[in-house]
Amino acid sequence: MTTVQHQNPRSDEESAIYAWIITHDHTDPNPASNAEGISGPVNAPGVLLEALDTPGRGHRFRLYDDDGTLYYSGIAACNAEDEGSEDVCYAPLGDFGCGYAGATEVRWDGRPEWDCG
């Protein structure tokens, strides 16, 4: 995975409790136009964005459409006390997947209780 320059959160906004990044776009193989490297949310704390670039950190997720077609894969990070919360579990889908591509479900590797859609 290549290192991505993440946006810094605005100083007048409260920081989010999570961060995520799209690591593989299964819908578009062209690196010049696909979604790989998109991260969010805009107010994600720097420490969590940095964790996304650290091997072994974070939780892997996949975004699917309502036909079960895999659209995107990614990694999300949060503070330990927020793991499994509804906000964190839904974040990649709500922040990115639904609006960007019409994804309807997020599935978490090794954490089926976090899956939602």
N, C-alpha and C. Protein backbone atom coordinates (compact mmCIF):
# COMPACT_ATOMS: atom_id res chain seq x y z
N MET A 1 0.85 -1.18 0.00
CA MET A 1 0.00 0.00 0.00
C MET A 1 0.89 1.23 0.00
N THR A 2 0.53 2.22 -0.80
CA THR A 2 1.29 3.45 -0.83
C THR A 2 0.81 4.38 0.27
N THR A 3 1.73 5.21 0.75
CA THR A 3 1.38 6.17 1.78
C THR A 3 0.58 7.29 1.15
N VAL A 4 -0.50 7.68 1.80
CA VAL A 4 -1.40 8.70 1.29
C VAL A 4 -1.29 9.93 2.17
N GLN A 5 -1.27 11.10 1.55
CA GLN A 5 -1.29 12.34 2.31
C GLN A 5 -2.72 12.61 2.72
N HIS A 6 -2.99 12.52 4.03
CA HIS A 6 -4.34 12.72 4.53
C HIS A 6 -4.61 14.19 4.81
N GLN A 7 -5.87 14.56 4.74
CA GLN A 7 -6.26 15.92 5.10
C GLN A 7 -6.17 16.09 6.61
N ASN A 8 -5.79 17.27 7.03
CA ASN A 8 -5.82 17.58 8.46
C ASN A 8 -7.21 18.09 8.82
N PRO A 9 -7.71 17.72 10.00
CA PRO A 9 -9.02 18.20 10.39
C PRO A 9 -8.99 19.71 10.59
N ARG A 10 -10.12 20.34 10.36
CA ARG A 10 -10.24 21.78 10.61
C ARG A 10 -10.17 22.01 12.11
N SER A 11 -9.50 23.06 12.50
CA SER A 11 -9.30 23.32 13.93
C SER A 11 -10.57 23.73 14.64
N ASP A 12 -11.58 24.23 13.90
CA ASP A 12 -12.82 24.67 14.54
C ASP A 12 -13.87 23.57 14.61
N GLU A 13 -13.54 22.37 14.18
CA GLU A 13 -14.47 21.24 14.19
C GLU A 13 -14.06 20.23 15.25
N GLU A 14 -15.04 19.61 15.87
CA GLU A 14 -14.75 18.52 16.81
C GLU A 14 -14.23 17.33 16.01
N SER A 15 -13.21 16.67 16.54
CA SER A 15 -12.63 15.51 15.84
C SER A 15 -13.57 14.32 15.88
N ALA A 16 -13.55 13.54 14.81
CA ALA A 16 -14.32 12.30 14.75
C ALA A 16 -13.67 11.27 15.67
N ILE A 17 -14.40 10.20 15.95
CA ILE A 17 -13.88 9.13 16.81
C ILE A 17 -13.30 7.98 15.99
N TYR A 18 -13.20 8.17 14.68
CA TYR A 18 -12.71 7.12 13.78
C TYR A 18 -12.06 7.75 12.56
N ALA A 19 -11.37 6.91 11.80
CA ALA A 19 -10.83 7.27 10.49
C ALA A 19 -10.87 6.02 9.62
N TRP A 20 -10.95 6.19 8.32
CA TRP A 20 -10.96 5.06 7.40
C TRP A 20 -10.26 5.45 6.11
N ILE A 21 -9.84 4.44 5.36
CA ILE A 21 -9.23 4.65 4.04
C ILE A 21 -9.65 3.51 3.11
N ILE A 22 -9.89 3.84 1.86
CA ILE A 22 -10.18 2.83 0.84
C ILE A 22 -8.83 2.33 0.31
N THR A 23 -8.59 1.03 0.45
CA THR A 23 -7.31 0.46 0.02
C THR A 23 -7.41 -0.27 -1.31
N HIS A 24 -8.63 -0.64 -1.73
CA HIS A 24 -8.80 -1.32 -3.01
C HIS A 24 -10.16 -0.99 -3.58
N ASP A 25 -10.17 -0.54 -4.83
CA ASP A 25 -11.41 -0.25 -5.55
C ASP A 25 -11.66 -1.42 -6.49
N HIS A 26 -12.66 -2.24 -6.20
CA HIS A 26 -12.97 -3.42 -7.01
C HIS A 26 -13.82 -3.07 -8.22
N THR A 27 -14.24 -1.80 -8.34
CA THR A 27 -15.09 -1.38 -9.46
C THR A 27 -14.31 -0.73 -10.59
N ASP A 28 -13.09 -0.28 -10.31
CA ASP A 28 -12.31 0.47 -11.30
C ASP A 28 -10.83 0.13 -11.15
N PRO A 29 -10.26 -0.61 -12.10
CA PRO A 29 -8.85 -1.00 -11.98
C PRO A 29 -7.86 0.12 -12.31
N ASN A 30 -8.34 1.25 -12.79
CA ASN A 30 -7.46 2.34 -13.21
C ASN A 30 -7.06 3.21 -12.02
N PRO A 31 -5.78 3.18 -11.62
CA PRO A 31 -5.34 3.97 -10.47
C PRO A 31 -5.54 5.48 -10.64
N ALA A 32 -5.62 5.95 -11.87
CA ALA A 32 -5.80 7.38 -12.11
C ALA A 32 -7.22 7.85 -11.81
N SER A 33 -8.18 6.92 -11.81
CA SER A 33 -9.58 7.34 -11.63
C SER A 33 -10.31 6.62 -10.51
N ASN A 34 -9.69 5.63 -9.87
CA ASN A 34 -10.44 4.88 -8.87
C ASN A 34 -10.38 5.54 -7.50
N ALA A 35 -11.04 4.92 -6.53
CA ALA A 35 -11.21 5.49 -5.20
C ALA A 35 -10.11 5.12 -4.21
N GLU A 36 -9.12 4.36 -4.63
CA GLU A 36 -8.05 3.97 -3.71
C GLU A 36 -7.35 5.20 -3.15
N GLY A 37 -7.18 5.20 -1.83
CA GLY A 37 -6.52 6.31 -1.16
C GLY A 37 -7.47 7.35 -0.59
N ILE A 38 -8.74 7.28 -0.94
CA ILE A 38 -9.70 8.21 -0.34
C ILE A 38 -9.82 7.87 1.13
N SER A 39 -9.74 8.88 1.99
CA SER A 39 -9.83 8.66 3.43
C SER A 39 -10.81 9.65 4.03
N GLY A 40 -11.25 9.36 5.21
CA GLY A 40 -12.20 10.25 5.85
C GLY A 40 -12.41 9.88 7.30
N PRO A 41 -13.28 10.57 7.96
CA PRO A 41 -13.98 11.77 7.50
C PRO A 41 -13.04 12.97 7.51
N VAL A 42 -13.52 14.10 7.04
CA VAL A 42 -12.68 15.29 6.95
C VAL A 42 -12.16 15.72 8.32
N ASN A 43 -12.88 15.40 9.37
CA ASN A 43 -12.46 15.78 10.73
C ASN A 43 -11.84 14.61 11.50
N ALA A 44 -11.28 13.64 10.78
CA ALA A 44 -10.61 12.51 11.43
C ALA A 44 -9.35 12.99 12.14
N PRO A 45 -9.12 12.52 13.36
CA PRO A 45 -7.90 12.93 14.08
C PRO A 45 -6.64 12.39 13.41
N GLY A 46 -5.59 13.19 13.40
CA GLY A 46 -4.33 12.81 12.77
C GLY A 46 -3.78 11.50 13.27
N VAL A 47 -3.89 11.25 14.58
CA VAL A 47 -3.33 10.01 15.14
C VAL A 47 -4.04 8.78 14.57
N LEU A 48 -5.33 8.88 14.30
CA LEU A 48 -6.05 7.74 13.71
C LEU A 48 -5.75 7.61 12.22
N LEU A 49 -5.58 8.73 11.52
CA LEU A 49 -5.19 8.67 10.11
C LEU A 49 -3.81 8.03 9.98
N GLU A 50 -2.89 8.36 10.88
CA GLU A 50 -1.57 7.76 10.85
C GLU A 50 -1.64 6.26 11.13
N ALA A 51 -2.56 5.84 11.99
CA ALA A 51 -2.71 4.41 12.30
C ALA A 51 -3.10 3.62 11.06
N LEU A 52 -3.81 4.25 10.12
CA LEU A 52 -4.21 3.56 8.90
C LEU A 52 -3.02 3.16 8.04
N ASP A 53 -1.92 3.88 8.16
CA ASP A 53 -0.71 3.58 7.39
C ASP A 53 0.24 2.64 8.12
N THR A 54 -0.14 2.20 9.32
CA THR A 54 0.72 1.33 10.13
C THR A 54 0.28 -0.12 9.95
N PRO A 55 1.15 -0.96 9.40
CA PRO A 55 0.77 -2.38 9.21
C PRO A 55 0.31 -3.02 10.52
N GLY A 56 -0.77 -3.78 10.44
CA GLY A 56 -1.30 -4.48 11.60
C GLY A 56 -2.24 -3.65 12.45
N ARG A 57 -2.38 -2.38 12.16
CA ARG A 57 -3.29 -1.52 12.92
C ARG A 57 -4.62 -1.41 12.18
N GLY A 58 -5.67 -1.16 12.91
CA GLY A 58 -6.97 -0.94 12.30
C GLY A 58 -7.72 -2.23 12.03
N HIS A 59 -8.90 -2.06 11.49
CA HIS A 59 -9.80 -3.17 11.18
C HIS A 59 -10.16 -3.11 9.70
N ARG A 60 -10.08 -4.26 9.04
CA ARG A 60 -10.38 -4.33 7.61
C ARG A 60 -11.90 -4.46 7.39
N PHE A 61 -12.38 -3.74 6.37
CA PHE A 61 -13.80 -3.79 6.01
C PHE A 61 -13.95 -3.92 4.50
N ARG A 62 -15.16 -4.33 4.08
CA ARG A 62 -15.51 -4.42 2.67
C ARG A 62 -16.89 -3.80 2.48
N LEU A 63 -17.08 -3.08 1.39
CA LEU A 63 -18.36 -2.45 1.07
C LEU A 63 -19.00 -3.15 -0.13
N TYR A 64 -20.27 -3.50 0.01
CA TYR A 64 -21.01 -4.26 -1.01
C TYR A 64 -22.27 -3.52 -1.44
N ASP A 65 -22.76 -3.84 -2.64
CA ASP A 65 -24.06 -3.33 -3.06
C ASP A 65 -25.15 -4.32 -2.66
N ASP A 66 -26.39 -4.01 -2.98
CA ASP A 66 -27.51 -4.86 -2.53
C ASP A 66 -27.59 -6.20 -3.27
N ASP A 67 -26.79 -6.37 -4.33
CA ASP A 67 -26.70 -7.67 -5.01
C ASP A 67 -25.55 -8.51 -4.49
N GLY A 68 -24.82 -7.99 -3.48
CA GLY A 68 -23.69 -8.71 -2.92
C GLY A 68 -22.40 -8.53 -3.69
N THR A 69 -22.36 -7.55 -4.60
CA THR A 69 -21.15 -7.28 -5.37
C THR A 69 -20.19 -6.45 -4.52
N LEU A 70 -18.95 -6.91 -4.43
CA LEU A 70 -17.93 -6.20 -3.67
C LEU A 70 -17.48 -4.96 -4.44
N TYR A 71 -17.59 -3.79 -3.81
CA TYR A 71 -17.17 -2.53 -4.42
C TYR A 71 -15.80 -2.07 -3.94
N TYR A 72 -15.62 -2.02 -2.62
CA TYR A 72 -14.40 -1.46 -2.05
C TYR A 72 -13.94 -2.26 -0.84
N SER A 73 -12.62 -2.23 -0.60
CA SER A 73 -12.03 -2.77 0.62
C SER A 73 -11.28 -1.63 1.28
N GLY A 74 -11.17 -1.69 2.61
CA GLY A 74 -10.46 -0.63 3.30
C GLY A 74 -10.08 -1.00 4.71
N ILE A 75 -9.54 -0.02 5.41
CA ILE A 75 -9.13 -0.17 6.80
C ILE A 75 -9.71 1.00 7.59
N ALA A 76 -10.17 0.72 8.79
CA ALA A 76 -10.67 1.76 9.68
C ALA A 76 -9.95 1.66 11.02
N ALA A 77 -9.82 2.78 11.68
CA ALA A 77 -9.20 2.83 13.01
C ALA A 77 -10.06 3.69 13.92
N CYS A 78 -10.03 3.36 15.20
CA CYS A 78 -10.74 4.15 16.20
C CYS A 78 -10.04 3.97 17.54
N ASN A 79 -10.46 4.74 18.51
CA ASN A 79 -9.95 4.56 19.86
C ASN A 79 -10.54 3.27 20.43
N ALA A 80 -9.79 2.62 21.30
CA ALA A 80 -10.22 1.33 21.86
C ALA A 80 -11.61 1.40 22.48
N GLU A 81 -11.92 2.48 23.16
CA GLU A 81 -13.22 2.58 23.84
C GLU A 81 -14.39 2.74 22.87
N ASP A 82 -14.10 3.05 21.60
CA ASP A 82 -15.17 3.23 20.61
C ASP A 82 -15.35 2.03 19.69
N GLU A 83 -14.49 1.00 19.83
CA GLU A 83 -14.61 -0.18 18.99
C GLU A 83 -15.99 -0.82 19.13
N GLY A 84 -16.58 -1.15 17.99
CA GLY A 84 -17.87 -1.82 17.99
C GLY A 84 -19.06 -0.89 18.14
N SER A 85 -18.81 0.41 18.32
CA SER A 85 -19.93 1.34 18.45
C SER A 85 -20.63 1.49 17.09
N GLU A 86 -21.88 1.87 17.13
CA GLU A 86 -22.65 2.03 15.90
C GLU A 86 -22.00 3.06 14.98
N ASP A 87 -21.51 4.15 15.55
CA ASP A 87 -20.87 5.19 14.73
C ASP A 87 -19.67 4.64 13.97
N VAL A 88 -18.84 3.87 14.64
CA VAL A 88 -17.63 3.32 14.02
C VAL A 88 -17.99 2.25 13.00
N CYS A 89 -18.90 1.35 13.36
CA CYS A 89 -19.26 0.24 12.47
C CYS A 89 -19.88 0.72 11.16
N TYR A 90 -20.67 1.77 11.21
CA TYR A 90 -21.37 2.27 10.04
C TYR A 90 -20.54 3.30 9.24
N ALA A 91 -19.49 3.82 9.82
CA ALA A 91 -18.75 4.96 9.26
C ALA A 91 -18.35 4.82 7.79
N PRO A 92 -17.64 3.78 7.37
CA PRO A 92 -17.22 3.73 5.96
C PRO A 92 -18.40 3.70 5.00
N LEU A 93 -19.46 3.05 5.39
CA LEU A 93 -20.65 2.97 4.54
C LEU A 93 -21.36 4.32 4.50
N GLY A 94 -21.62 4.90 5.66
CA GLY A 94 -22.34 6.17 5.72
C GLY A 94 -21.56 7.35 5.18
N ASP A 95 -20.26 7.39 5.48
CA ASP A 95 -19.43 8.52 5.05
C ASP A 95 -19.07 8.45 3.57
N PHE A 96 -18.91 7.25 3.04
CA PHE A 96 -18.39 7.09 1.69
C PHE A 96 -19.23 6.18 0.80
N GLY A 97 -19.42 4.94 1.20
CA GLY A 97 -19.99 3.91 0.33
C GLY A 97 -21.37 4.22 -0.23
N CYS A 98 -22.28 4.67 0.61
CA CYS A 98 -23.65 4.94 0.15
C CYS A 98 -23.69 6.04 -0.90
N GLY A 99 -23.12 7.18 -0.58
CA GLY A 99 -23.19 8.32 -1.47
C GLY A 99 -22.29 8.24 -2.68
N TYR A 100 -21.13 7.65 -2.53
CA TYR A 100 -20.15 7.60 -3.62
C TYR A 100 -20.51 6.56 -4.66
N ALA A 101 -21.03 5.40 -4.21
CA ALA A 101 -21.23 4.31 -5.16
C ALA A 101 -22.53 3.54 -4.97
N GLY A 102 -23.35 3.92 -4.02
CA GLY A 102 -24.58 3.19 -3.80
C GLY A 102 -24.39 1.89 -3.04
N ALA A 103 -23.28 1.77 -2.33
CA ALA A 103 -23.08 0.57 -1.50
C ALA A 103 -24.14 0.54 -0.41
N THR A 104 -24.51 -0.67 -0.01
CA THR A 104 -25.59 -0.82 0.96
C THR A 104 -25.21 -1.62 2.20
N GLU A 105 -24.00 -2.18 2.21
CA GLU A 105 -23.61 -3.03 3.34
C GLU A 105 -22.11 -2.91 3.59
N VAL A 106 -21.74 -2.90 4.86
CA VAL A 106 -20.33 -2.96 5.25
C VAL A 106 -20.14 -4.24 6.05
N ARG A 107 -19.10 -5.00 5.70
CA ARG A 107 -18.76 -6.23 6.41
C ARG A 107 -17.34 -6.07 6.95
N TRP A 108 -17.15 -6.52 8.19
CA TRP A 108 -15.88 -6.38 8.87
C TRP A 108 -15.19 -7.73 8.99
N ASP A 109 -13.93 -7.81 8.56
CA ASP A 109 -13.16 -9.06 8.65
C ASP A 109 -12.98 -9.46 10.11
N GLY A 110 -13.41 -10.67 10.44
CA GLY A 110 -13.24 -11.20 11.79
C GLY A 110 -14.15 -10.58 12.84
N ARG A 111 -15.05 -9.72 12.44
CA ARG A 111 -15.98 -9.05 13.37
C ARG A 111 -17.39 -9.04 12.78
N PRO A 112 -18.00 -10.20 12.57
CA PRO A 112 -19.33 -10.24 11.94
C PRO A 112 -20.39 -9.48 12.74
N GLU A 113 -20.18 -9.34 14.02
CA GLU A 113 -21.15 -8.59 14.84
C GLU A 113 -21.13 -7.09 14.51
N TRP A 114 -20.11 -6.63 13.80
CA TRP A 114 -20.03 -5.21 13.39
C TRP A 114 -20.69 -4.96 12.04
N ASP A 115 -20.99 -6.02 11.28
CA ASP A 115 -21.57 -5.85 9.94
C ASP A 115 -22.88 -5.10 10.02
N CYS A 116 -23.10 -4.21 9.06
CA CYS A 116 -24.37 -3.48 9.04
C CYS A 116 -24.66 -2.96 7.64
N GLY A 117 -25.89 -2.56 7.45
CA GLY A 117 -26.28 -2.01 6.16
C GLY A 117 -27.73 -1.68 6.14
